[in-house]
Amino acid sequence: MPAITFIAADGKSQTLQVEAGQSVMHVAVENDIRGILADCGGSCSCATCHCYLDEAWASRFPPASVEEAELVSFAFDPLPSSRLSCQLQLGPEHDGLVIRLPKRQI
């Protein structure tokens, strides 16, 4: 089971053991992680699951699709490391993943 750590904008962190095959968004919603709203439920049609993927982990996920990149551009405070957590599917290779959360969502 991979472990992922969510770090809130205020620096508080929470590490969770998760099932492979889930999206980062689903893990956040199921565990009441503040900062991931997920208004569209994971259909990649909003930016309310915006997160920052630590750069060391970026190459372990497929690159953002054009659709995802466009939605990220509408998020508050996007950075080069911005992703939609609904598009980040977890596998065993993601053990130790660090996800940083923005100060606010749309």
PDB file of N, CA and C in Angstrom:
ATOM      1  N   MET A   1       0.843  -1.187   0.000  1.00  0.00           N
ATOM      2  CA  MET A   1       0.000   0.000   0.000  1.00  0.00           C
ATOM      3  C   MET A   1       0.881   1.241   0.000  1.00  0.00           C
ATOM      4  N   PRO A   2       0.690   2.100  -0.975  1.00  0.00           N
ATOM      5  CA  PRO A   2       1.476   3.332  -0.984  1.00  0.00           C
ATOM      6  C   PRO A   2       1.048   4.276   0.146  1.00  0.00           C
ATOM      7  N   ALA A   3       1.999   5.036   0.623  1.00  0.00           N
ATOM      8  CA  ALA A   3       1.722   6.105   1.585  1.00  0.00           C
ATOM      9  C   ALA A   3       1.872   7.421   0.850  1.00  0.00           C
ATOM     10  N   ILE A   4       0.903   8.318   1.048  1.00  0.00           N
ATOM     11  CA  ILE A   4       1.043   9.658   0.478  1.00  0.00           C
ATOM     12  C   ILE A   4       0.850  10.674   1.584  1.00  0.00           C
ATOM     13  N   THR A   5       1.553  11.792   1.437  1.00  0.00           N
ATOM     14  CA  THR A   5       1.483  12.869   2.415  1.00  0.00           C
ATOM     15  C   THR A   5       0.882  14.097   1.763  1.00  0.00           C
ATOM     16  N   PHE A   6      -0.150  14.624   2.406  1.00  0.00           N
ATOM     17  CA  PHE A   6      -0.764  15.883   1.991  1.00  0.00           C
ATOM     18  C   PHE A   6      -0.226  16.969   2.904  1.00  0.00           C
ATOM     19  N   ILE A   7       0.258  18.056   2.312  1.00  0.00           N
ATOM     20  CA  ILE A   7       0.749  19.186   3.096  1.00  0.00           C
ATOM     21  C   ILE A   7      -0.125  20.395   2.783  1.00  0.00           C
ATOM     22  N   ALA A   8      -0.826  20.877   3.801  1.00  0.00           N
ATOM     23  CA  ALA A   8      -1.711  22.035   3.654  1.00  0.00           C
ATOM     24  C   ALA A   8      -0.889  23.311   3.502  1.00  0.00           C
ATOM     25  N   ALA A   9      -1.543  24.355   3.044  1.00  0.00           N
ATOM     26  CA  ALA A   9      -0.879  25.643   2.839  1.00  0.00           C
ATOM     27  C   ALA A   9      -0.280  26.180   4.140  1.00  0.00           C
ATOM     28  N   ASP A  10      -0.868  25.805   5.279  1.00  0.00           N
ATOM     29  CA  ASP A  10      -0.342  26.269   6.566  1.00  0.00           C
ATOM     30  C   ASP A  10       0.794  25.396   7.095  1.00  0.00           C
ATOM     31  N   GLY A  11       1.201  24.382   6.313  1.00  0.00           N
ATOM     32  CA  GLY A  11       2.313  23.532   6.688  1.00  0.00           C
ATOM     33  C   GLY A  11       1.946  22.254   7.416  1.00  0.00           C
ATOM     34  N   LYS A  12       0.694  22.122   7.840  1.00  0.00           N
ATOM     35  CA  LYS A  12       0.272  20.897   8.514  1.00  0.00           C
ATOM     36  C   LYS A  12       0.242  19.763   7.509  1.00  0.00           C
ATOM     37  N   SER A  13       0.680  18.594   7.950  1.00  0.00           N
ATOM     38  CA  SER A  13       0.720  17.463   7.032  1.00  0.00           C
ATOM     39  C   SER A  13      -0.039  16.274   7.597  1.00  0.00           C
ATOM     40  N   GLN A  14      -0.472  15.425   6.676  1.00  0.00           N
ATOM     41  CA  GLN A  14      -1.166  14.196   7.034  1.00  0.00           C
ATOM     42  C   GLN A  14      -0.708  13.113   6.067  1.00  0.00           C
ATOM     43  N   THR A  15      -0.232  12.010   6.615  1.00  0.00           N
ATOM     44  CA  THR A  15       0.215  10.888   5.798  1.00  0.00           C
ATOM     45  C   THR A  15      -0.800   9.763   5.898  1.00  0.00           C
ATOM     46  N   LEU A  16      -1.139   9.208   4.748  1.00  0.00           N
ATOM     47  CA  LEU A  16      -2.155   8.155   4.675  1.00  0.00           C
ATOM     48  C   LEU A  16      -1.624   6.950   3.921  1.00  0.00           C
ATOM     49  N   GLN A  17      -2.016   5.769   4.358  1.00  0.00           N
ATOM     50  CA  GLN A  17      -1.788   4.542   3.607  1.00  0.00           C
ATOM     51  C   GLN A  17      -3.002   4.385   2.697  1.00  0.00           C
ATOM     52  N   VAL A  18      -2.774   4.178   1.410  1.00  0.00           N
ATOM     53  CA  VAL A  18      -3.876   4.169   0.455  1.00  0.00           C
ATOM     54  C   VAL A  18      -3.839   2.926  -0.427  1.00  0.00           C
ATOM     55  N   GLU A  19      -4.969   2.631  -1.024  1.00  0.00           N
ATOM     56  CA  GLU A  19      -5.080   1.537  -1.983  1.00  0.00           C
ATOM     57  C   GLU A  19      -4.573   2.001  -3.345  1.00  0.00           C
ATOM     58  N   ALA A  20      -3.746   1.211  -3.980  1.00  0.00           N
ATOM     59  CA  ALA A  20      -3.337   1.502  -5.348  1.00  0.00           C
ATOM     60  C   ALA A  20      -4.579   1.458  -6.236  1.00  0.00           C
ATOM     61  N   GLY A  21      -4.572   2.261  -7.295  1.00  0.00           N
ATOM     62  CA  GLY A  21      -5.693   2.290  -8.226  1.00  0.00           C
ATOM     63  C   GLY A  21      -6.631   3.459  -8.005  1.00  0.00           C
ATOM     64  N   GLN A  22      -6.529   4.119  -6.868  1.00  0.00           N
ATOM     65  CA  GLN A  22      -7.368   5.284  -6.595  1.00  0.00           C
ATOM     66  C   GLN A  22      -6.685   6.539  -7.127  1.00  0.00           C
ATOM     67  N   SER A  23      -7.465   7.583  -7.324  1.00  0.00           N
ATOM     68  CA  SER A  23      -6.871   8.869  -7.663  1.00  0.00           C
ATOM     69  C   SER A  23      -6.520   9.598  -6.371  1.00  0.00           C
ATOM     70  N   VAL A  24      -5.593  10.521  -6.465  1.00  0.00           N
ATOM     71  CA  VAL A  24      -5.236  11.348  -5.310  1.00  0.00           C
ATOM     72  C   VAL A  24      -6.478  12.087  -4.815  1.00  0.00           C
ATOM     73  N   MET A  25      -7.331  12.536  -5.737  1.00  0.00           N
ATOM     74  CA  MET A  25      -8.557  13.238  -5.353  1.00  0.00           C
ATOM     75  C   MET A  25      -9.462  12.356  -4.512  1.00  0.00           C
ATOM     76  N   HIS A  26      -9.689  11.119  -4.944  1.00  0.00           N
ATOM     77  CA  HIS A  26     -10.565  10.229  -4.183  1.00  0.00           C
ATOM     78  C   HIS A  26     -10.009   9.960  -2.784  1.00  0.00           C
ATOM     79  N   VAL A  27      -8.714   9.777  -2.689  1.00  0.00           N
ATOM     80  CA  VAL A  27      -8.090   9.584  -1.375  1.00  0.00           C
ATOM     81  C   VAL A  27      -8.340  10.805  -0.497  1.00  0.00           C
ATOM     82  N   ALA A  28      -8.159  11.998  -1.061  1.00  0.00           N
ATOM     83  CA  ALA A  28      -8.353  13.230  -0.290  1.00  0.00           C
ATOM     84  C   ALA A  28      -9.800  13.363   0.176  1.00  0.00           C
ATOM     85  N   VAL A  29     -10.742  13.127  -0.707  1.00  0.00           N
ATOM     86  CA  VAL A  29     -12.161  13.253  -0.358  1.00  0.00           C
ATOM     87  C   VAL A  29     -12.549  12.225   0.701  1.00  0.00           C
ATOM     88  N   GLU A  30     -12.132  10.983   0.513  1.00  0.00           N
ATOM     89  CA  GLU A  30     -12.478   9.916   1.456  1.00  0.00           C
ATOM     90  C   GLU A  30     -11.888  10.140   2.847  1.00  0.00           C
ATOM     91  N   ASN A  31     -10.814  10.925   2.917  1.00  0.00           N
ATOM     92  CA  ASN A  31     -10.136  11.151   4.190  1.00  0.00           C
ATOM     93  C   ASN A  31     -10.290  12.582   4.692  1.00  0.00           C
ATOM     94  N   ASP A  32     -11.266  13.304   4.140  1.00  0.00           N
ATOM     95  CA  ASP A  32     -11.581  14.665   4.581  1.00  0.00           C
ATOM     96  C   ASP A  32     -10.364  15.595   4.599  1.00  0.00           C
ATOM     97  N   ILE A  33      -9.566  15.517   3.553  1.00  0.00           N
ATOM     98  CA  ILE A  33      -8.423  16.418   3.426  1.00  0.00           C
ATOM     99  C   ILE A  33      -8.944  17.792   3.016  1.00  0.00           C
ATOM    100  N   ARG A  34      -8.731  18.761   3.882  1.00  0.00           N
ATOM    101  CA  ARG A  34      -9.165  20.129   3.563  1.00  0.00           C
ATOM    102  C   ARG A  34      -8.313  20.676   2.417  1.00  0.00           C
ATOM    103  N   GLY A  35      -8.956  21.345   1.490  1.00  0.00           N
ATOM    104  CA  GLY A  35      -8.237  21.928   0.377  1.00  0.00           C
ATOM    105  C   GLY A  35      -8.513  21.247  -0.944  1.00  0.00           C
ATOM    106  N   ILE A  36      -9.116  20.075  -0.915  1.00  0.00           N
ATOM    107  CA  ILE A  36      -9.536  19.395  -2.142  1.00  0.00           C
ATOM    108  C   ILE A  36     -11.063  19.367  -2.120  1.00  0.00           C
ATOM    109  N   LEU A  37     -11.688  20.190  -2.968  1.00  0.00           N
ATOM    110  CA  LEU A  37     -13.145  20.282  -2.990  1.00  0.00           C
ATOM    111  C   LEU A  37     -13.769  19.231  -3.901  1.00  0.00           C
ATOM    112  N   ALA A  38     -13.172  19.016  -5.058  1.00  0.00           N
ATOM    113  CA  ALA A  38     -13.623  17.984  -5.999  1.00  0.00           C
ATOM    114  C   ALA A  38     -15.089  18.132  -6.392  1.00  0.00           C
ATOM    115  N   ASP A  39     -15.470  19.334  -6.787  1.00  0.00           N
ATOM    116  CA  ASP A  39     -16.864  19.613  -7.135  1.00  0.00           C
ATOM    117  C   ASP A  39     -17.397  18.756  -8.282  1.00  0.00           C
ATOM    118  N   CYS A  40     -16.572  18.400  -9.248  1.00  0.00           N
ATOM    119  CA  CYS A  40     -17.065  17.612 -10.388  1.00  0.00           C
ATOM    120  C   CYS A  40     -16.954  16.118 -10.142  1.00  0.00           C
ATOM    121  N   GLY A  41     -16.452  15.722  -8.996  1.00  0.00           N
ATOM    122  CA  GLY A  41     -16.379  14.307  -8.660  1.00  0.00           C
ATOM    123  C   GLY A  41     -15.313  13.521  -9.402  1.00  0.00           C
ATOM    124  N   GLY A  42     -14.403  14.204 -10.045  1.00  0.00           N
ATOM    125  CA  GLY A  42     -13.308  13.512 -10.719  1.00  0.00           C
ATOM    126  C   GLY A  42     -13.455  13.389 -12.213  1.00  0.00           C
ATOM    127  N   SER A  43     -14.342  14.160 -12.811  1.00  0.00           N
ATOM    128  CA  SER A  43     -14.553  14.050 -14.260  1.00  0.00           C
ATOM    129  C   SER A  43     -13.697  15.025 -15.077  1.00  0.00           C
ATOM    130  N   CYS A  44     -12.735  15.653 -14.430  1.00  0.00           N
ATOM    131  CA  CYS A  44     -11.821  16.587 -15.106  1.00  0.00           C
ATOM    132  C   CYS A  44     -12.596  17.691 -15.831  1.00  0.00           C
ATOM    133  N   SER A  45     -13.533  18.302 -15.085  1.00  0.00           N
ATOM    134  CA  SER A  45     -14.301  19.391 -15.682  1.00  0.00           C
ATOM    135  C   SER A  45     -14.334  20.631 -14.804  1.00  0.00           C
ATOM    136  N   CYS A  46     -13.473  20.683 -13.791  1.00  0.00           N
ATOM    137  CA  CYS A  46     -13.324  21.885 -12.966  1.00  0.00           C
ATOM    138  C   CYS A  46     -11.882  21.899 -12.461  1.00  0.00           C
ATOM    139  N   ALA A  47     -11.556  22.801 -11.594  1.00  0.00           N
ATOM    140  CA  ALA A  47     -10.188  22.843 -11.052  1.00  0.00           C
ATOM    141  C   ALA A  47     -10.203  22.851  -9.529  1.00  0.00           C
ATOM    142  N   THR A  48     -11.263  22.324  -8.935  1.00  0.00           N
ATOM    143  CA  THR A  48     -11.388  22.376  -7.483  1.00  0.00           C
ATOM    144  C   THR A  48     -10.646  21.249  -6.769  1.00  0.00           C
ATOM    145  N   CYS A  49      -9.893  20.471  -7.519  1.00  0.00           N
ATOM    146  CA  CYS A  49      -9.021  19.466  -6.905  1.00  0.00           C
ATOM    147  C   CYS A  49      -7.563  19.785  -7.228  1.00  0.00           C
ATOM    148  N   HIS A  50      -7.322  21.041  -7.551  1.00  0.00           N
ATOM    149  CA  HIS A  50      -5.982  21.528  -7.872  1.00  0.00           C
ATOM    150  C   HIS A  50      -5.022  21.225  -6.713  1.00  0.00           C
ATOM    151  N   CYS A  51      -3.840  20.768  -7.076  1.00  0.00           N
ATOM    152  CA  CYS A  51      -2.803  20.512  -6.075  1.00  0.00           C
ATOM    153  C   CYS A  51      -1.451  20.777  -6.709  1.00  0.00           C
ATOM    154  N   TYR A  52      -0.431  20.749  -5.874  1.00  0.00           N
ATOM    155  CA  TYR A  52       0.939  20.900  -6.345  1.00  0.00           C
ATOM    156  C   TYR A  52       1.652  19.570  -6.165  1.00  0.00           C
ATOM    157  N   LEU A  53       2.152  19.043  -7.231  1.00  0.00           N
ATOM    158  CA  LEU A  53       2.870  17.773  -7.227  1.00  0.00           C
ATOM    159  C   LEU A  53       4.347  18.080  -7.012  1.00  0.00           C
ATOM    160  N   ASP A  54       4.926  17.528  -5.956  1.00  0.00           N
ATOM    161  CA  ASP A  54       6.349  17.755  -5.736  1.00  0.00           C
ATOM    162  C   ASP A  54       7.118  17.363  -6.989  1.00  0.00           C
ATOM    163  N   GLU A  55       8.073  18.184  -7.376  1.00  0.00           N
ATOM    164  CA  GLU A  55       8.787  18.010  -8.638  1.00  0.00           C
ATOM    165  C   GLU A  55       9.453  16.637  -8.762  1.00  0.00           C
ATOM    166  N   ALA A  56       9.923  16.111  -7.663  1.00  0.00           N
ATOM    167  CA  ALA A  56      10.578  14.799  -7.698  1.00  0.00           C
ATOM    168  C   ALA A  56       9.628  13.702  -8.167  1.00  0.00           C
ATOM    169  N   TRP A  57       8.325  13.937  -8.074  1.00  0.00           N
ATOM    170  CA  TRP A  57       7.334  12.933  -8.431  1.00  0.00           C
ATOM    171  C   TRP A  57       6.728  13.150  -9.818  1.00  0.00           C
ATOM    172  N   ALA A  58       6.970  14.274 -10.419  1.00  0.00           N
ATOM    173  CA  ALA A  58       6.315  14.610 -11.686  1.00  0.00           C
ATOM    174  C   ALA A  58       6.553  13.560 -12.779  1.00  0.00           C
ATOM    175  N   SER A  59       7.745  13.035 -12.853  1.00  0.00           N
ATOM    176  CA  SER A  59       8.057  12.064 -13.915  1.00  0.00           C
ATOM    177  C   SER A  59       7.425  10.696 -13.668  1.00  0.00           C
ATOM    178  N   ARG A  60       6.846  10.489 -12.500  1.00  0.00           N
ATOM    179  CA  ARG A  60       6.234   9.191 -12.182  1.00  0.00           C
ATOM    180  C   ARG A  60       4.752   9.136 -12.534  1.00  0.00           C
ATOM    181  N   PHE A  61       4.263  10.219 -13.099  1.00  0.00           N
ATOM    182  CA  PHE A  61       2.882  10.284 -13.578  1.00  0.00           C
ATOM    183  C   PHE A  61       2.903  10.683 -15.044  1.00  0.00           C
ATOM    184  N   PRO A  62       1.901  10.284 -15.815  1.00  0.00           N
ATOM    185  CA  PRO A  62       1.818  10.777 -17.193  1.00  0.00           C
ATOM    186  C   PRO A  62       1.689  12.304 -17.181  1.00  0.00           C
ATOM    187  N   PRO A  63       2.183  12.970 -18.212  1.00  0.00           N
ATOM    188  CA  PRO A  63       2.035  14.423 -18.263  1.00  0.00           C
ATOM    189  C   PRO A  63       0.561  14.820 -18.333  1.00  0.00           C
ATOM    190  N   ALA A  64       0.299  16.035 -17.931  1.00  0.00           N
ATOM    191  CA  ALA A  64      -1.070  16.558 -17.978  1.00  0.00           C
ATOM    192  C   ALA A  64      -1.559  16.595 -19.418  1.00  0.00           C
ATOM    193  N   SER A  65      -2.824  16.238 -19.605  1.00  0.00           N
ATOM    194  CA  SER A  65      -3.448  16.351 -20.921  1.00  0.00           C
ATOM    195  C   SER A  65      -3.686  17.830 -21.226  1.00  0.00           C
ATOM    196  N   VAL A  66      -3.995  18.128 -22.454  1.00  0.00           N
ATOM    197  CA  VAL A  66      -4.317  19.503 -22.843  1.00  0.00           C
ATOM    198  C   VAL A  66      -5.513  19.996 -22.024  1.00  0.00           C
ATOM    199  N   GLU A  67      -6.527  19.143 -21.869  1.00  0.00           N
ATOM    200  CA  GLU A  67      -7.719  19.505 -21.101  1.00  0.00           C
ATOM    201  C   GLU A  67      -7.360  19.835 -19.651  1.00  0.00           C
ATOM    202  N   GLU A  68      -6.549  18.980 -19.033  1.00  0.00           N
ATOM    203  CA  GLU A  68      -6.155  19.234 -17.645  1.00  0.00           C
ATOM    204  C   GLU A  68      -5.353  20.526 -17.535  1.00  0.00           C
ATOM    205  N   ALA A  69      -4.400  20.729 -18.419  1.00  0.00           N
ATOM    206  CA  ALA A  69      -3.570  21.938 -18.384  1.00  0.00           C
ATOM    207  C   ALA A  69      -4.419  23.200 -18.528  1.00  0.00           C
ATOM    208  N   GLU A  70      -5.433  23.130 -19.378  1.00  0.00           N
ATOM    209  CA  GLU A  70      -6.321  24.285 -19.556  1.00  0.00           C
ATOM    210  C   GLU A  70      -7.102  24.561 -18.275  1.00  0.00           C
ATOM    211  N   LEU A  71      -7.620  23.526 -17.645  1.00  0.00           N
ATOM    212  CA  LEU A  71      -8.358  23.713 -16.396  1.00  0.00           C
ATOM    213  C   LEU A  71      -7.458  24.244 -15.288  1.00  0.00           C
ATOM    214  N   VAL A  72      -6.238  23.748 -15.202  1.00  0.00           N
ATOM    215  CA  VAL A  72      -5.290  24.228 -14.193  1.00  0.00           C
ATOM    216  C   VAL A  72      -5.049  25.723 -14.363  1.00  0.00           C
ATOM    217  N   SER A  73      -5.061  26.198 -15.593  1.00  0.00           N
ATOM    218  CA  SER A  73      -4.816  27.630 -15.834  1.00  0.00           C
ATOM    219  C   SER A  73      -5.901  28.507 -15.211  1.00  0.00           C
ATOM    220  N   PHE A  74      -7.062  27.931 -14.895  1.00  0.00           N
ATOM    221  CA  PHE A  74      -8.146  28.683 -14.255  1.00  0.00           C
ATOM    222  C   PHE A  74      -8.101  28.596 -12.731  1.00  0.00           C
ATOM    223  N   ALA A  75      -7.229  27.772 -12.201  1.00  0.00           N
ATOM    224  CA  ALA A  75      -7.126  27.607 -10.748  1.00  0.00           C
ATOM    225  C   ALA A  75      -6.464  28.826 -10.133  1.00  0.00           C
ATOM    226  N   PHE A  76      -6.699  29.029  -8.825  1.00  0.00           N
ATOM    227  CA  PHE A  76      -5.993  30.081  -8.106  1.00  0.00           C
ATOM    228  C   PHE A  76      -4.535  29.669  -7.936  1.00  0.00           C
ATOM    229  N   ASP A  77      -3.641  30.593  -8.163  1.00  0.00           N
ATOM    230  CA  ASP A  77      -2.212  30.424  -7.908  1.00  0.00           C
ATOM    231  C   ASP A  77      -1.593  29.177  -8.555  1.00  0.00           C
ATOM    232  N   PRO A  78      -1.810  28.966  -9.860  1.00  0.00           N
ATOM    233  CA  PRO A  78      -1.178  27.808 -10.490  1.00  0.00           C
ATOM    234  C   PRO A  78       0.341  27.986 -10.554  1.00  0.00           C
ATOM    235  N   LEU A  79       1.029  26.877 -10.441  1.00  0.00           N
ATOM    236  CA  LEU A  79       2.492  26.838 -10.540  1.00  0.00           C
ATOM    237  C   LEU A  79       2.859  25.807 -11.602  1.00  0.00           C
ATOM    238  N   PRO A  80       4.118  25.760 -12.025  1.00  0.00           N
ATOM    239  CA  PRO A  80       4.515  24.720 -12.982  1.00  0.00           C
ATOM    240  C   PRO A  80       4.239  23.304 -12.461  1.00  0.00           C
ATOM    241  N   SER A  81       4.194  23.138 -11.151  1.00  0.00           N
ATOM    242  CA  SER A  81       3.943  21.819 -10.559  1.00  0.00           C
ATOM    243  C   SER A  81       2.459  21.540 -10.330  1.00  0.00           C
ATOM    244  N   SER A  82       1.586  22.427 -10.790  1.00  0.00           N
ATOM    245  CA  SER A  82       0.148  22.261 -10.570  1.00  0.00           C
ATOM    246  C   SER A  82      -0.406  21.102 -11.383  1.00  0.00           C
ATOM    247  N   ARG A  83      -1.261  20.336 -10.748  1.00  0.00           N
ATOM    248  CA  ARG A  83      -1.991  19.243 -11.403  1.00  0.00           C
ATOM    249  C   ARG A  83      -3.386  19.188 -10.814  1.00  0.00           C
ATOM    250  N   LEU A  84      -4.269  18.477 -11.491  1.00  0.00           N
ATOM    251  CA  LEU A  84      -5.578  18.167 -10.931  1.00  0.00           C
ATOM    252  C   LEU A  84      -5.448  16.806 -10.275  1.00  0.00           C
ATOM    253  N   SER A  85      -5.778  16.729  -8.999  1.00  0.00           N
ATOM    254  CA  SER A  85      -5.575  15.478  -8.268  1.00  0.00           C
ATOM    255  C   SER A  85      -6.461  14.350  -8.794  1.00  0.00           C
ATOM    256  N   CYS A  86      -7.539  14.677  -9.504  1.00  0.00           N
ATOM    257  CA  CYS A  86      -8.386  13.629 -10.088  1.00  0.00           C
ATOM    258  C   CYS A  86      -7.684  12.907 -11.229  1.00  0.00           C
ATOM    259  N   GLN A  87      -6.638  13.500 -11.761  1.00  0.00           N
ATOM    260  CA  GLN A  87      -5.919  12.917 -12.891  1.00  0.00           C
ATOM    261  C   GLN A  87      -4.663  12.159 -12.468  1.00  0.00           C
ATOM    262  N   LEU A  88      -4.416  12.091 -11.169  1.00  0.00           N
ATOM    263  CA  LEU A  88      -3.237  11.412 -10.650  1.00  0.00           C
ATOM    264  C   LEU A  88      -3.639  10.069 -10.060  1.00  0.00           C
ATOM    265  N   GLN A  89      -3.486   9.012 -10.849  1.00  0.00           N
ATOM    266  CA  GLN A  89      -3.845   7.660 -10.420  1.00  0.00           C
ATOM    267  C   GLN A  89      -2.667   7.038  -9.678  1.00  0.00           C
ATOM    268  N   LEU A  90      -2.954   6.487  -8.505  1.00  0.00           N
ATOM    269  CA  LEU A  90      -1.910   5.959  -7.642  1.00  0.00           C
ATOM    270  C   LEU A  90      -1.605   4.497  -7.921  1.00  0.00           C
ATOM    271  N   GLY A  91      -0.341   4.182  -7.904  1.00  0.00           N
ATOM    272  CA  GLY A  91       0.125   2.810  -8.022  1.00  0.00           C
ATOM    273  C   GLY A  91       1.170   2.543  -6.953  1.00  0.00           C
ATOM    274  N   PRO A  92       1.653   1.329  -6.858  1.00  0.00           N
ATOM    275  CA  PRO A  92       2.662   0.995  -5.853  1.00  0.00           C
ATOM    276  C   PRO A  92       3.921   1.861  -5.975  1.00  0.00           C
ATOM    277  N   GLU A  93       4.223   2.307  -7.185  1.00  0.00           N
ATOM    278  CA  GLU A  93       5.405   3.135  -7.420  1.00  0.00           C
ATOM    279  C   GLU A  93       5.286   4.540  -6.836  1.00  0.00           C
ATOM    280  N   HIS A  94       4.113   4.889  -6.298  1.00  0.00           N
ATOM    281  CA  HIS A  94       3.896   6.220  -5.735  1.00  0.00           C
ATOM    282  C   HIS A  94       4.037   6.258  -4.216  1.00  0.00           C
ATOM    283  N   ASP A  95       4.573   5.185  -3.647  1.00  0.00           N
ATOM    284  CA  ASP A  95       4.791   5.152  -2.206  1.00  0.00           C
ATOM    285  C   ASP A  95       5.733   6.292  -1.808  1.00  0.00           C
ATOM    286  N   GLY A  96       5.287   7.133  -0.881  1.00  0.00           N
ATOM    287  CA  GLY A  96       6.078   8.278  -0.438  1.00  0.00           C
ATOM    288  C   GLY A  96       5.709   9.586  -1.122  1.00  0.00           C
ATOM    289  N   LEU A  97       4.722   9.554  -2.004  1.00  0.00           N
ATOM    290  CA  LEU A  97       4.283  10.741  -2.739  1.00  0.00           C
ATOM    291  C   LEU A  97       3.948  11.889  -1.789  1.00  0.00           C
ATOM    292  N   VAL A  98       4.340  13.099  -2.185  1.00  0.00           N
ATOM    293  CA  VAL A  98       4.019  14.309  -1.430  1.00  0.00           C
ATOM    294  C   VAL A  98       3.166  15.210  -2.309  1.00  0.00           C
ATOM    295  N   ILE A  99       2.003  15.601  -1.780  1.00  0.00           N
ATOM    296  CA  ILE A  99       1.082  16.501  -2.466  1.00  0.00           C
ATOM    297  C   ILE A  99       0.929  17.752  -1.608  1.00  0.00           C
ATOM    298  N   ARG A 100       1.171  18.895  -2.191  1.00  0.00           N
ATOM    299  CA  ARG A 100       0.976  20.164  -1.478  1.00  0.00           C
ATOM    300  C   ARG A 100      -0.350  20.772  -1.939  1.00  0.00           C
ATOM    301  N   LEU A 101      -1.039  21.384  -1.011  1.00  0.00           N
ATOM    302  CA  LEU A 101      -2.359  21.940  -1.295  1.00  0.00           C
ATOM    303  C   LEU A 101      -2.307  23.456  -1.394  1.00  0.00           C
ATOM    304  N   PRO A 102      -3.063  24.035  -2.305  1.00  0.00           N
ATOM    305  CA  PRO A 102      -3.087  25.502  -2.443  1.00  0.00           C
ATOM    306  C   PRO A 102      -3.822  26.162  -1.277  1.00  0.00           C
ATOM    307  N   LYS A 103      -3.632  27.454  -1.158  1.00  0.00           N
ATOM    308  CA  LYS A 103      -4.301  28.212  -0.094  1.00  0.00           C
ATOM    309  C   LYS A 103      -5.806  28.235  -0.275  1.00  0.00           C
ATOM    310  N   ARG A 104      -6.238  28.202  -1.538  1.00  0.00           N
ATOM    311  CA  ARG A 104      -7.689  28.264  -1.820  1.00  0.00           C
ATOM    312  C   ARG A 104      -7.977  27.584  -3.144  1.00  0.00           C
ATOM    313  N   GLN A 105      -9.235  27.192  -3.297  1.00  0.00           N
ATOM    314  CA  GLN A 105      -9.714  26.590  -4.528  1.00  0.00           C
ATOM    315  C   GLN A 105     -10.756  27.532  -5.129  1.00  0.00           C
ATOM    316  N   ILE A 106     -11.133  27.265  -6.339  1.00  0.00           N
ATOM    317  CA  ILE A 106     -12.154  28.080  -7.020  1.00  0.00           C
ATOM    318  C   ILE A 106     -13.447  27.995  -6.256  1.00  0.00           C
TER     319      ILE A 106
END
